[in-house]
Amino acid sequence: MLLVQYLGLAAVLFCLGVYGVIARKNGVMILMSVELLLNAVNLNLIAFGAAYDTAVGQVFALFVIAIAAVEVGVGLAIVLLIYRNRSTVDFDQIDELRG
């Protein structure tokens, strides 16, 4: 496959992730959309690494995967605590963080 095809797929994934973060109100769906964003970045890193015959893209992708795993763990913990306190994960109904 050509580099342009990988970049096009990554752009579509990134746009879907941005739409999910902006349009969704459910905390779990927002976390899944952030994962789509990170996977699009990983696809770009690996595609450019393969195009230029270097392993740097794969190394950076591994770091992004590790950071994404930590982000999911912390994010799900926050969503579970909000669900315990408010009985909802709808971010429009949560007003505790407003100043």
C-alpha atoms as a PDB file:
ATOM      1  CA  MET A   1       0.000   0.000   0.000  1.00  0.00           C
ATOM      2  CA  LEU A   2       1.059   3.549  -0.565  1.00  0.00           C
ATOM      3  CA  LEU A   3       1.860   6.045   2.168  1.00  0.00           C
ATOM      4  CA  VAL A   4      -1.047   8.219   1.047  1.00  0.00           C
ATOM      5  CA  GLN A   5      -3.512   5.406   1.732  1.00  0.00           C
ATOM      6  CA  TYR A   6      -2.257   4.978   5.296  1.00  0.00           C
ATOM      7  CA  LEU A   7      -2.398   8.720   5.865  1.00  0.00           C
ATOM      8  CA  GLY A   8      -5.937   8.852   4.494  1.00  0.00           C
ATOM      9  CA  LEU A   9      -7.058   6.078   6.832  1.00  0.00           C
ATOM     10  CA  ALA A  10      -5.383   7.836   9.749  1.00  0.00           C
ATOM     11  CA  ALA A  11      -7.129  11.094   8.821  1.00  0.00           C
ATOM     12  CA  VAL A  12     -10.512   9.355   8.773  1.00  0.00           C
ATOM     13  CA  LEU A  13      -9.830   7.743  12.169  1.00  0.00           C
ATOM     14  CA  PHE A  14      -8.700  11.081  13.582  1.00  0.00           C
ATOM     15  CA  CYS A  15     -11.816  12.866  12.311  1.00  0.00           C
ATOM     16  CA  LEU A  16     -14.055  10.164  13.813  1.00  0.00           C
ATOM     17  CA  GLY A  17     -12.242  10.537  17.120  1.00  0.00           C
ATOM     18  CA  VAL A  18     -12.597  14.324  17.135  1.00  0.00           C
ATOM     19  CA  TYR A  19     -16.293  14.008  16.311  1.00  0.00           C
ATOM     20  CA  GLY A  20     -16.727  11.512  19.145  1.00  0.00           C
ATOM     21  CA  VAL A  21     -15.008  13.775  21.672  1.00  0.00           C
ATOM     22  CA  ILE A  22     -17.059  16.806  20.627  1.00  0.00           C
ATOM     23  CA  ALA A  23     -20.479  15.203  20.094  1.00  0.00           C
ATOM     24  CA  ARG A  24     -20.653  12.488  22.768  1.00  0.00           C
ATOM     25  CA  LYS A  25     -21.858  13.076  26.304  1.00  0.00           C
ATOM     26  CA  ASN A  26     -21.112   9.666  27.780  1.00  0.00           C
ATOM     27  CA  GLY A  27     -17.765   9.424  29.568  1.00  0.00           C
ATOM     28  CA  VAL A  28     -16.910   5.964  28.266  1.00  0.00           C
ATOM     29  CA  MET A  29     -17.638   6.968  24.676  1.00  0.00           C
ATOM     30  CA  ILE A  30     -15.382  10.005  25.059  1.00  0.00           C
ATOM     31  CA  LEU A  31     -12.569   7.751  26.274  1.00  0.00           C
ATOM     32  CA  MET A  32     -13.104   5.463  23.280  1.00  0.00           C
ATOM     33  CA  SER A  33     -12.921   8.463  20.964  1.00  0.00           C
ATOM     34  CA  VAL A  34      -9.627   9.538  22.528  1.00  0.00           C
ATOM     35  CA  GLU A  35      -8.338   6.030  21.834  1.00  0.00           C
ATOM     36  CA  LEU A  36      -9.309   6.478  18.167  1.00  0.00           C
ATOM     37  CA  LEU A  37      -7.278   9.690  18.115  1.00  0.00           C
ATOM     38  CA  LEU A  38      -4.250   7.944  19.556  1.00  0.00           C
ATOM     39  CA  ASN A  39      -4.585   5.020  17.139  1.00  0.00           C
ATOM     40  CA  ALA A  40      -4.629   7.460  14.220  1.00  0.00           C
ATOM     41  CA  VAL A  41      -1.400   8.988  15.506  1.00  0.00           C
ATOM     42  CA  ASN A  42       0.134   5.523  15.873  1.00  0.00           C
ATOM     43  CA  LEU A  43      -0.818   4.668  12.310  1.00  0.00           C
ATOM     44  CA  ASN A  44       0.893   7.836  11.087  1.00  0.00           C
ATOM     45  CA  LEU A  45       4.030   7.110  13.080  1.00  0.00           C
ATOM     46  CA  ILE A  46       4.317   3.562  11.784  1.00  0.00           C
ATOM     47  CA  ALA A  47       3.515   4.548   8.193  1.00  0.00           C
ATOM     48  CA  PHE A  48       6.186   7.241   8.133  1.00  0.00           C
ATOM     49  CA  GLY A  49       8.656   4.907   9.801  1.00  0.00           C
ATOM     50  CA  ALA A  50       8.027   2.267   7.154  1.00  0.00           C
ATOM     51  CA  ALA A  51       8.235   4.811   4.338  1.00  0.00           C
ATOM     52  CA  TYR A  52      11.639   6.063   5.487  1.00  0.00           C
ATOM     53  CA  ASP A  53      12.975   2.613   6.506  1.00  0.00           C
ATOM     54  CA  THR A  54      13.520   3.479  10.154  1.00  0.00           C
ATOM     55  CA  ALA A  55      12.275   1.975  13.401  1.00  0.00           C
ATOM     56  CA  VAL A  56      11.825   5.316  15.140  1.00  0.00           C
ATOM     57  CA  GLY A  57       8.111   5.424  14.281  1.00  0.00           C
ATOM     58  CA  GLN A  58       7.530   2.024  15.829  1.00  0.00           C
ATOM     59  CA  VAL A  59       9.382   3.015  18.999  1.00  0.00           C
ATOM     60  CA  PHE A  60       7.311   6.178  19.362  1.00  0.00           C
ATOM     61  CA  ALA A  61       4.146   4.164  18.683  1.00  0.00           C
ATOM     62  CA  LEU A  62       5.036   1.851  21.573  1.00  0.00           C
ATOM     63  CA  PHE A  63       5.402   4.867  23.853  1.00  0.00           C
ATOM     64  CA  VAL A  64       2.018   6.183  22.704  1.00  0.00           C
ATOM     65  CA  ILE A  65       0.429   2.777  23.380  1.00  0.00           C
ATOM     66  CA  ALA A  66       1.883   2.770  26.906  1.00  0.00           C
ATOM     67  CA  ILE A  67       0.589   6.288  27.556  1.00  0.00           C
ATOM     68  CA  ALA A  68      -2.829   5.305  26.151  1.00  0.00           C
ATOM     69  CA  ALA A  69      -3.019   2.351  28.545  1.00  0.00           C
ATOM     70  CA  VAL A  70      -2.329   4.642  31.504  1.00  0.00           C
ATOM     71  CA  GLU A  71      -4.845   7.166  30.204  1.00  0.00           C
ATOM     72  CA  VAL A  72      -7.549   4.508  29.958  1.00  0.00           C
ATOM     73  CA  GLY A  73      -6.868   3.294  33.484  1.00  0.00           C
ATOM     74  CA  VAL A  74      -7.025   6.760  35.013  1.00  0.00           C
ATOM     75  CA  GLY A  75      -9.978   7.799  32.857  1.00  0.00           C
ATOM     76  CA  LEU A  76     -12.046   4.743  33.733  1.00  0.00           C
ATOM     77  CA  ALA A  77     -11.272   5.239  37.423  1.00  0.00           C
ATOM     78  CA  ILE A  78     -12.540   8.817  37.196  1.00  0.00           C
ATOM     79  CA  VAL A  79     -15.663   7.748  35.294  1.00  0.00           C
ATOM     80  CA  LEU A  80     -16.397   5.026  37.870  1.00  0.00           C
ATOM     81  CA  LEU A  81     -16.044   7.489  40.751  1.00  0.00           C
ATOM     82  CA  ILE A  82     -18.373   9.930  39.011  1.00  0.00           C
ATOM     83  CA  TYR A  83     -20.867   7.110  38.438  1.00  0.00           C
ATOM     84  CA  ARG A  84     -20.754   6.130  42.112  1.00  0.00           C
ATOM     85  CA  ASN A  85     -21.368   9.686  43.291  1.00  0.00           C
ATOM     86  CA  ARG A  86     -23.872  10.852  40.650  1.00  0.00           C
ATOM     87  CA  SER A  87     -25.367   7.594  39.237  1.00  0.00           C
ATOM     88  CA  THR A  88     -24.664   8.868  35.719  1.00  0.00           C
ATOM     89  CA  VAL A  89     -21.717   9.237  33.381  1.00  0.00           C
ATOM     90  CA  ASP A  90     -23.417  11.877  31.252  1.00  0.00           C
ATOM     91  CA  PHE A  91     -20.987  14.795  31.277  1.00  0.00           C
ATOM     92  CA  ASP A  92     -23.733  17.364  30.697  1.00  0.00           C
ATOM     93  CA  GLN A  93     -25.300  16.531  34.068  1.00  0.00           C
ATOM     94  CA  ILE A  94     -22.053  16.823  36.000  1.00  0.00           C
ATOM     95  CA  ASP A  95     -21.588  20.302  37.448  1.00  0.00           C
ATOM     96  CA  GLU A  96     -19.130  19.603  40.285  1.00  0.00           C
ATOM     97  CA  LEU A  97     -16.166  20.905  38.301  1.00  0.00           C
ATOM     98  CA  ARG A  98     -17.717  24.285  37.553  1.00  0.00           C
ATOM     99  CA  GLY A  99     -16.249  27.171  39.514  1.00  0.00           C
END
